[in-house]
Amino acid sequence: MALKCNIGAAGKAARLRVGLLGVAGGIGLALVTATGIVPSIAWWAALGSIAGGSFAIWEARAGWCVVRAMGFKTPM
């Protein structure tokens, strides 16, 4: 299945920003969890944030949005 570009430059930029913030937040949460400030269950949240942010970065790079591919209209 080939992915067809379904977002423009503004959507790519927005997804890239969200992805970078997600990865940075996940890394920050992982560091705080590693020091013992928050409970160890936060590892799952950190991993989820990094994975979600990485996917958003991939979407920005590919120019493809999974939500738009499912038929939903997004504002950008």
PDB file of N, CA and C in Angstrom:
ATOM      1  N   MET A   1       0.841  -1.172   0.000  1.00  0.00           N
ATOM      2  CA  MET A   1       0.000   0.000   0.000  1.00  0.00           C
ATOM      3  C   MET A   1       0.888   1.237   0.000  1.00  0.00           C
ATOM      4  N   ALA A   2       0.756   2.039  -1.011  1.00  0.00           N
ATOM      5  CA  ALA A   2       1.513   3.283  -1.090  1.00  0.00           C
ATOM      6  C   ALA A   2       0.760   4.383  -0.344  1.00  0.00           C
ATOM      7  N   LEU A   3       1.501   5.169   0.390  1.00  0.00           N
ATOM      8  CA  LEU A   3       0.895   6.281   1.125  1.00  0.00           C
ATOM      9  C   LEU A   3       0.881   7.505   0.218  1.00  0.00           C
ATOM     10  N   LYS A   4      -0.297   8.097   0.060  1.00  0.00           N
ATOM     11  CA  LYS A   4      -0.439   9.277  -0.768  1.00  0.00           C
ATOM     12  C   LYS A   4      -0.423  10.508   0.135  1.00  0.00           C
ATOM     13  N   CYS A   5       0.334  11.508  -0.243  1.00  0.00           N
ATOM     14  CA  CYS A   5       0.424  12.738   0.546  1.00  0.00           C
ATOM     15  C   CYS A   5      -0.976  13.323   0.731  1.00  0.00           C
ATOM     16  N   ASN A   6      -1.378  13.538   1.978  1.00  0.00           N
ATOM     17  CA  ASN A   6      -2.712  14.074   2.232  1.00  0.00           C
ATOM     18  C   ASN A   6      -2.706  15.283   3.176  1.00  0.00           C
ATOM     19  N   ILE A   7      -1.533  15.863   3.434  1.00  0.00           N
ATOM     20  CA  ILE A   7      -1.458  17.084   4.234  1.00  0.00           C
ATOM     21  C   ILE A   7      -0.528  18.076   3.550  1.00  0.00           C
ATOM     22  N   GLY A   8      -0.764  19.347   3.804  1.00  0.00           N
ATOM     23  CA  GLY A   8       0.052  20.397   3.211  1.00  0.00           C
ATOM     24  C   GLY A   8       1.203  20.804   4.125  1.00  0.00           C
ATOM     25  N   ALA A   9       1.840  21.891   3.755  1.00  0.00           N
ATOM     26  CA  ALA A   9       3.006  22.371   4.494  1.00  0.00           C
ATOM     27  C   ALA A   9       2.649  22.765   5.929  1.00  0.00           C
ATOM     28  N   ALA A  10       1.495  23.385   6.124  1.00  0.00           N
ATOM     29  CA  ALA A  10       1.098  23.791   7.480  1.00  0.00           C
ATOM     30  C   ALA A  10       0.852  22.572   8.360  1.00  0.00           C
ATOM     31  N   GLY A  11       0.231  21.536   7.817  1.00  0.00           N
ATOM     32  CA  GLY A  11      -0.004  20.309   8.572  1.00  0.00           C
ATOM     33  C   GLY A  11       1.286  19.587   8.901  1.00  0.00           C
ATOM     34  N   LYS A  12       2.214  19.582   7.954  1.00  0.00           N
ATOM     35  CA  LYS A  12       3.517  18.952   8.201  1.00  0.00           C
ATOM     36  C   LYS A  12       4.252  19.668   9.328  1.00  0.00           C
ATOM     37  N   ALA A  13       4.234  21.001   9.290  1.00  0.00           N
ATOM     38  CA  ALA A  13       4.923  21.777  10.323  1.00  0.00           C
ATOM     39  C   ALA A  13       4.286  21.554  11.693  1.00  0.00           C
ATOM     40  N   ALA A  14       2.963  21.495  11.735  1.00  0.00           N
ATOM     41  CA  ALA A  14       2.266  21.280  13.010  1.00  0.00           C
ATOM     42  C   ALA A  14       2.586  19.900  13.568  1.00  0.00           C
ATOM     43  N   ARG A  15       2.579  18.880  12.718  1.00  0.00           N
ATOM     44  CA  ARG A  15       2.890  17.527  13.186  1.00  0.00           C
ATOM     45  C   ARG A  15       4.339  17.415  13.646  1.00  0.00           C
ATOM     46  N   LEU A  16       5.235  18.099  12.957  1.00  0.00           N
ATOM     47  CA  LEU A  16       6.632  18.078  13.372  1.00  0.00           C
ATOM     48  C   LEU A  16       6.799  18.711  14.751  1.00  0.00           C
ATOM     49  N   ARG A  17       6.146  19.853  14.982  1.00  0.00           N
ATOM     50  CA  ARG A  17       6.218  20.507  16.300  1.00  0.00           C
ATOM     51  C   ARG A  17       5.655  19.612  17.387  1.00  0.00           C
ATOM     52  N   VAL A  18       4.489  19.044  17.144  1.00  0.00           N
ATOM     53  CA  VAL A  18       3.864  18.166  18.138  1.00  0.00           C
ATOM     54  C   VAL A  18       4.747  16.946  18.402  1.00  0.00           C
ATOM     55  N   GLY A  19       5.321  16.393  17.345  1.00  0.00           N
ATOM     56  CA  GLY A  19       6.196  15.230  17.498  1.00  0.00           C
ATOM     57  C   GLY A  19       7.435  15.538  18.311  1.00  0.00           C
ATOM     58  N   LEU A  20       8.065  16.653  18.022  1.00  0.00           N
ATOM     59  CA  LEU A  20       9.266  17.031  18.775  1.00  0.00           C
ATOM     60  C   LEU A  20       8.941  17.291  20.241  1.00  0.00           C
ATOM     61  N   LEU A  21       7.807  17.935  20.499  1.00  0.00           N
ATOM     62  CA  LEU A  21       7.398  18.174  21.888  1.00  0.00           C
ATOM     63  C   LEU A  21       7.074  16.859  22.597  1.00  0.00           C
ATOM     64  N   GLY A  22       6.446  15.934  21.891  1.00  0.00           N
ATOM     65  CA  GLY A  22       6.130  14.629  22.478  1.00  0.00           C
ATOM     66  C   GLY A  22       7.382  13.845  22.841  1.00  0.00           C
ATOM     67  N   VAL A  23       8.350  13.820  21.926  1.00  0.00           N
ATOM     68  CA  VAL A  23       9.591  13.096  22.202  1.00  0.00           C
ATOM     69  C   VAL A  23      10.354  13.771  23.343  1.00  0.00           C
ATOM     70  N   ALA A  24      10.439  15.093  23.310  1.00  0.00           N
ATOM     71  CA  ALA A  24      11.155  15.817  24.373  1.00  0.00           C
ATOM     72  C   ALA A  24      10.466  15.606  25.726  1.00  0.00           C
ATOM     73  N   GLY A  25       9.134  15.666  25.747  1.00  0.00           N
ATOM     74  CA  GLY A  25       8.402  15.434  26.983  1.00  0.00           C
ATOM     75  C   GLY A  25       8.585  14.013  27.503  1.00  0.00           C
ATOM     76  N   GLY A  26       8.591  13.053  26.591  1.00  0.00           N
ATOM     77  CA  GLY A  26       8.808  11.665  26.977  1.00  0.00           C
ATOM     78  C   GLY A  26      10.193  11.435  27.554  1.00  0.00           C
ATOM     79  N   ILE A  27      11.193  12.052  26.944  1.00  0.00           N
ATOM     80  CA  ILE A  27      12.556  11.936  27.464  1.00  0.00           C
ATOM     81  C   ILE A  27      12.653  12.595  28.835  1.00  0.00           C
ATOM     82  N   GLY A  28      12.033  13.756  28.974  1.00  0.00           N
ATOM     83  CA  GLY A  28      12.024  14.431  30.279  1.00  0.00           C
ATOM     84  C   GLY A  28      11.342  13.590  31.340  1.00  0.00           C
ATOM     85  N   LEU A  29      10.212  12.992  30.993  1.00  0.00           N
ATOM     86  CA  LEU A  29       9.511  12.130  31.948  1.00  0.00           C
ATOM     87  C   LEU A  29      10.343  10.897  32.282  1.00  0.00           C
ATOM     88  N   ALA A  30      11.043  10.351  31.292  1.00  0.00           N
ATOM     89  CA  ALA A  30      11.906   9.193  31.557  1.00  0.00           C
ATOM     90  C   ALA A  30      13.033   9.565  32.511  1.00  0.00           C
ATOM     91  N   LEU A  31      13.609  10.737  32.346  1.00  0.00           N
ATOM     92  CA  LEU A  31      14.678  11.176  33.250  1.00  0.00           C
ATOM     93  C   LEU A  31      14.162  11.372  34.670  1.00  0.00           C
ATOM     94  N   VAL A  32      12.983  11.965  34.798  1.00  0.00           N
ATOM     95  CA  VAL A  32      12.392  12.177  36.124  1.00  0.00           C
ATOM     96  C   VAL A  32      12.043  10.836  36.760  1.00  0.00           C
ATOM     97  N   THR A  33      11.570   9.908  35.954  1.00  0.00           N
ATOM     98  CA  THR A  33      11.242   8.577  36.467  1.00  0.00           C
ATOM     99  C   THR A  33      12.503   7.837  36.889  1.00  0.00           C
ATOM    100  N   ALA A  34      13.566   7.977  36.115  1.00  0.00           N
ATOM    101  CA  ALA A  34      14.824   7.291  36.429  1.00  0.00           C
ATOM    102  C   ALA A  34      15.419   7.786  37.746  1.00  0.00           C
ATOM    103  N   THR A  35      15.184   9.041  38.089  1.00  0.00           N
ATOM    104  CA  THR A  35      15.713   9.569  39.350  1.00  0.00           C
ATOM    105  C   THR A  35      14.836   9.200  40.549  1.00  0.00           C
ATOM    106  N   GLY A  36      13.669   8.631  40.290  1.00  0.00           N
ATOM    107  CA  GLY A  36      12.802   8.192  41.383  1.00  0.00           C
ATOM    108  C   GLY A  36      11.843   9.256  41.883  1.00  0.00           C
ATOM    109  N   ILE A  37      11.720  10.374  41.194  1.00  0.00           N
ATOM    110  CA  ILE A  37      10.819  11.442  41.631  1.00  0.00           C
ATOM    111  C   ILE A  37       9.358  11.042  41.434  1.00  0.00           C
ATOM    112  N   VAL A  38       9.084  10.327  40.361  1.00  0.00           N
ATOM    113  CA  VAL A  38       7.725   9.839  40.105  1.00  0.00           C
ATOM    114  C   VAL A  38       7.752   8.312  40.141  1.00  0.00           C
ATOM    115  N   PRO A  39       6.601   7.677  40.357  1.00  0.00           N
ATOM    116  CA  PRO A  39       6.569   6.210  40.443  1.00  0.00           C
ATOM    117  C   PRO A  39       7.016   5.545  39.136  1.00  0.00           C
ATOM    118  N   SER A  40       7.434   4.307  39.248  1.00  0.00           N
ATOM    119  CA  SER A  40       7.968   3.597  38.090  1.00  0.00           C
ATOM    120  C   SER A  40       6.915   3.328  37.018  1.00  0.00           C
ATOM    121  N   ILE A  41       5.648   3.445  37.336  1.00  0.00           N
ATOM    122  CA  ILE A  41       4.594   3.258  36.327  1.00  0.00           C
ATOM    123  C   ILE A  41       4.694   4.324  35.241  1.00  0.00           C
ATOM    124  N   ALA A  42       5.342   5.428  35.519  1.00  0.00           N
ATOM    125  CA  ALA A  42       5.492   6.505  34.534  1.00  0.00           C
ATOM    126  C   ALA A  42       6.367   6.102  33.361  1.00  0.00           C
ATOM    127  N   TRP A  43       7.087   4.972  33.469  1.00  0.00           N
ATOM    128  CA  TRP A  43       7.860   4.483  32.317  1.00  0.00           C
ATOM    129  C   TRP A  43       6.944   4.243  31.129  1.00  0.00           C
ATOM    130  N   TRP A  44       5.740   3.736  31.384  1.00  0.00           N
ATOM    131  CA  TRP A  44       4.797   3.482  30.291  1.00  0.00           C
ATOM    132  C   TRP A  44       4.370   4.780  29.627  1.00  0.00           C
ATOM    133  N   ALA A  45       4.142   5.822  30.423  1.00  0.00           N
ATOM    134  CA  ALA A  45       3.765   7.117  29.866  1.00  0.00           C
ATOM    135  C   ALA A  45       4.913   7.709  29.055  1.00  0.00           C
ATOM    136  N   ALA A  46       6.131   7.562  29.559  1.00  0.00           N
ATOM    137  CA  ALA A  46       7.295   8.079  28.838  1.00  0.00           C
ATOM    138  C   ALA A  46       7.460   7.344  27.512  1.00  0.00           C
ATOM    139  N   LEU A  47       7.326   6.035  27.540  1.00  0.00           N
ATOM    140  CA  LEU A  47       7.457   5.239  26.317  1.00  0.00           C
ATOM    141  C   LEU A  47       6.356   5.591  25.313  1.00  0.00           C
ATOM    142  N   GLY A  48       5.145   5.747  25.797  1.00  0.00           N
ATOM    143  CA  GLY A  48       4.028   6.123  24.931  1.00  0.00           C
ATOM    144  C   GLY A  48       4.218   7.493  24.311  1.00  0.00           C
ATOM    145  N   SER A  49       4.724   8.429  25.087  1.00  0.00           N
ATOM    146  CA  SER A  49       4.966   9.775  24.580  1.00  0.00           C
ATOM    147  C   SER A  49       6.056   9.778  23.515  1.00  0.00           C
ATOM    148  N   ILE A  50       7.115   9.031  23.757  1.00  0.00           N
ATOM    149  CA  ILE A  50       8.200   8.957  22.774  1.00  0.00           C
ATOM    150  C   ILE A  50       7.714   8.260  21.505  1.00  0.00           C
ATOM    151  N   ALA A  51       6.958   7.195  21.643  1.00  0.00           N
ATOM    152  CA  ALA A  51       6.443   6.478  20.475  1.00  0.00           C
ATOM    153  C   ALA A  51       5.463   7.350  19.679  1.00  0.00           C
ATOM    154  N   GLY A  52       4.558   8.007  20.373  1.00  0.00           N
ATOM    155  CA  GLY A  52       3.597   8.876  19.691  1.00  0.00           C
ATOM    156  C   GLY A  52       4.271  10.061  19.012  1.00  0.00           C
ATOM    157  N   GLY A  53       5.238  10.651  19.691  1.00  0.00           N
ATOM    158  CA  GLY A  53       5.976  11.760  19.092  1.00  0.00           C
ATOM    159  C   GLY A  53       6.774  11.317  17.887  1.00  0.00           C
ATOM    160  N   SER A  54       7.359  10.145  17.963  1.00  0.00           N
ATOM    161  CA  SER A  54       8.109   9.616  16.823  1.00  0.00           C
ATOM    162  C   SER A  54       7.188   9.364  15.638  1.00  0.00           C
ATOM    163  N   PHE A  55       5.994   8.859  15.902  1.00  0.00           N
ATOM    164  CA  PHE A  55       5.033   8.638  14.824  1.00  0.00           C
ATOM    165  C   PHE A  55       4.613   9.960  14.193  1.00  0.00           C
ATOM    166  N   ALA A  56       4.400  10.993  14.999  1.00  0.00           N
ATOM    167  CA  ALA A  56       4.026  12.304  14.463  1.00  0.00           C
ATOM    168  C   ALA A  56       5.150  12.883  13.605  1.00  0.00           C
ATOM    169  N   ILE A  57       6.389  12.689  14.022  1.00  0.00           N
ATOM    170  CA  ILE A  57       7.529  13.144  13.218  1.00  0.00           C
ATOM    171  C   ILE A  57       7.557  12.387  11.898  1.00  0.00           C
ATOM    172  N   TRP A  58       7.309  11.085  11.938  1.00  0.00           N
ATOM    173  CA  TRP A  58       7.264  10.299  10.709  1.00  0.00           C
ATOM    174  C   TRP A  58       6.147  10.790   9.790  1.00  0.00           C
ATOM    175  N   GLU A  59       4.966  11.092  10.366  1.00  0.00           N
ATOM    176  CA  GLU A  59       3.860  11.626   9.565  1.00  0.00           C
ATOM    177  C   GLU A  59       4.254  12.932   8.889  1.00  0.00           C
ATOM    178  N   ALA A  60       4.941  13.790   9.620  1.00  0.00           N
ATOM    179  CA  ALA A  60       5.374  15.070   9.039  1.00  0.00           C
ATOM    180  C   ALA A  60       6.343  14.837   7.891  1.00  0.00           C
ATOM    181  N   ARG A  61       7.247  13.916   8.075  1.00  0.00           N
ATOM    182  CA  ARG A  61       8.241  13.626   7.031  1.00  0.00           C
ATOM    183  C   ARG A  61       7.596  12.986   5.803  1.00  0.00           C
ATOM    184  N   ALA A  62       6.644  12.087   6.027  1.00  0.00           N
ATOM    185  CA  ALA A  62       5.982  11.387   4.925  1.00  0.00           C
ATOM    186  C   ALA A  62       4.911  12.246   4.252  1.00  0.00           C
ATOM    187  N   GLY A  63       4.418  13.264   4.960  1.00  0.00           N
ATOM    188  CA  GLY A  63       3.334  14.081   4.411  1.00  0.00           C
ATOM    189  C   GLY A  63       2.004  13.348   4.426  1.00  0.00           C
ATOM    190  N   TRP A  64       1.862  12.429   5.342  1.00  0.00           N
ATOM    191  CA  TRP A  64       0.672  11.588   5.417  1.00  0.00           C
ATOM    192  C   TRP A  64       0.129  11.596   6.833  1.00  0.00           C
ATOM    193  N   CYS A  65      -1.170  11.704   6.958  1.00  0.00           N
ATOM    194  CA  CYS A  65      -1.818  11.737   8.273  1.00  0.00           C
ATOM    195  C   CYS A  65      -2.795  10.574   8.380  1.00  0.00           C
ATOM    196  N   VAL A  66      -2.643   9.768   9.422  1.00  0.00           N
ATOM    197  CA  VAL A  66      -3.501   8.603   9.610  1.00  0.00           C
ATOM    198  C   VAL A  66      -4.949   9.031   9.839  1.00  0.00           C
ATOM    199  N   VAL A  67      -5.178  10.127  10.530  1.00  0.00           N
ATOM    200  CA  VAL A  67      -6.542  10.586  10.806  1.00  0.00           C
ATOM    201  C   VAL A  67      -7.229  11.000   9.506  1.00  0.00           C
ATOM    202  N   ARG A  68      -6.509  11.724   8.659  1.00  0.00           N
ATOM    203  CA  ARG A  68      -7.081  12.125   7.367  1.00  0.00           C
ATOM    204  C   ARG A  68      -7.289  10.918   6.470  1.00  0.00           C
ATOM    205  N   ALA A  69      -6.424   9.923   6.565  1.00  0.00           N
ATOM    206  CA  ALA A  69      -6.565   8.725   5.748  1.00  0.00           C
ATOM    207  C   ALA A  69      -7.824   7.938   6.127  1.00  0.00           C
ATOM    208  N   MET A  70      -8.275   8.089   7.384  1.00  0.00           N
ATOM    209  CA  MET A  70      -9.501   7.415   7.820  1.00  0.00           C
ATOM    210  C   MET A  70     -10.750   8.174   7.421  1.00  0.00           C
ATOM    211  N   GLY A  71     -10.578   9.362   6.793  1.00  0.00           N
ATOM    212  CA  GLY A  71     -11.729  10.107   6.298  1.00  0.00           C
ATOM    213  C   GLY A  71     -12.135  11.306   7.127  1.00  0.00           C
ATOM    214  N   PHE A  72     -11.460  11.555   8.238  1.00  0.00           N
ATOM    215  CA  PHE A  72     -11.794  12.719   9.055  1.00  0.00           C
ATOM    216  C   PHE A  72     -11.127  13.963   8.468  1.00  0.00           C
ATOM    217  N   LYS A  73     -11.820  15.075   8.521  1.00  0.00           N
ATOM    218  CA  LYS A  73     -11.244  16.334   8.043  1.00  0.00           C
ATOM    219  C   LYS A  73     -10.612  17.079   9.211  1.00  0.00           C
ATOM    220  N   THR A  74      -9.358  17.438   9.058  1.00  0.00           N
ATOM    221  CA  THR A  74      -8.654  18.190  10.095  1.00  0.00           C
ATOM    222  C   THR A  74      -8.508  19.635   9.626  1.00  0.00           C
ATOM    223  N   PRO A  75      -8.396  20.585  10.552  1.00  0.00           N
ATOM    224  CA  PRO A  75      -8.376  21.989  10.164  1.00  0.00           C
ATOM    225  C   PRO A  75      -7.148  22.430   9.364  1.00  0.00           C
ATOM    226  N   MET A  76      -6.070  21.694   9.405  1.00  0.00           N
ATOM    227  CA  MET A  76      -4.873  22.118   8.644  1.00  0.00           C
ATOM    228  C   MET A  76      -4.685  21.277   7.427  1.00  0.00           C
TER     229      MET A  76
END
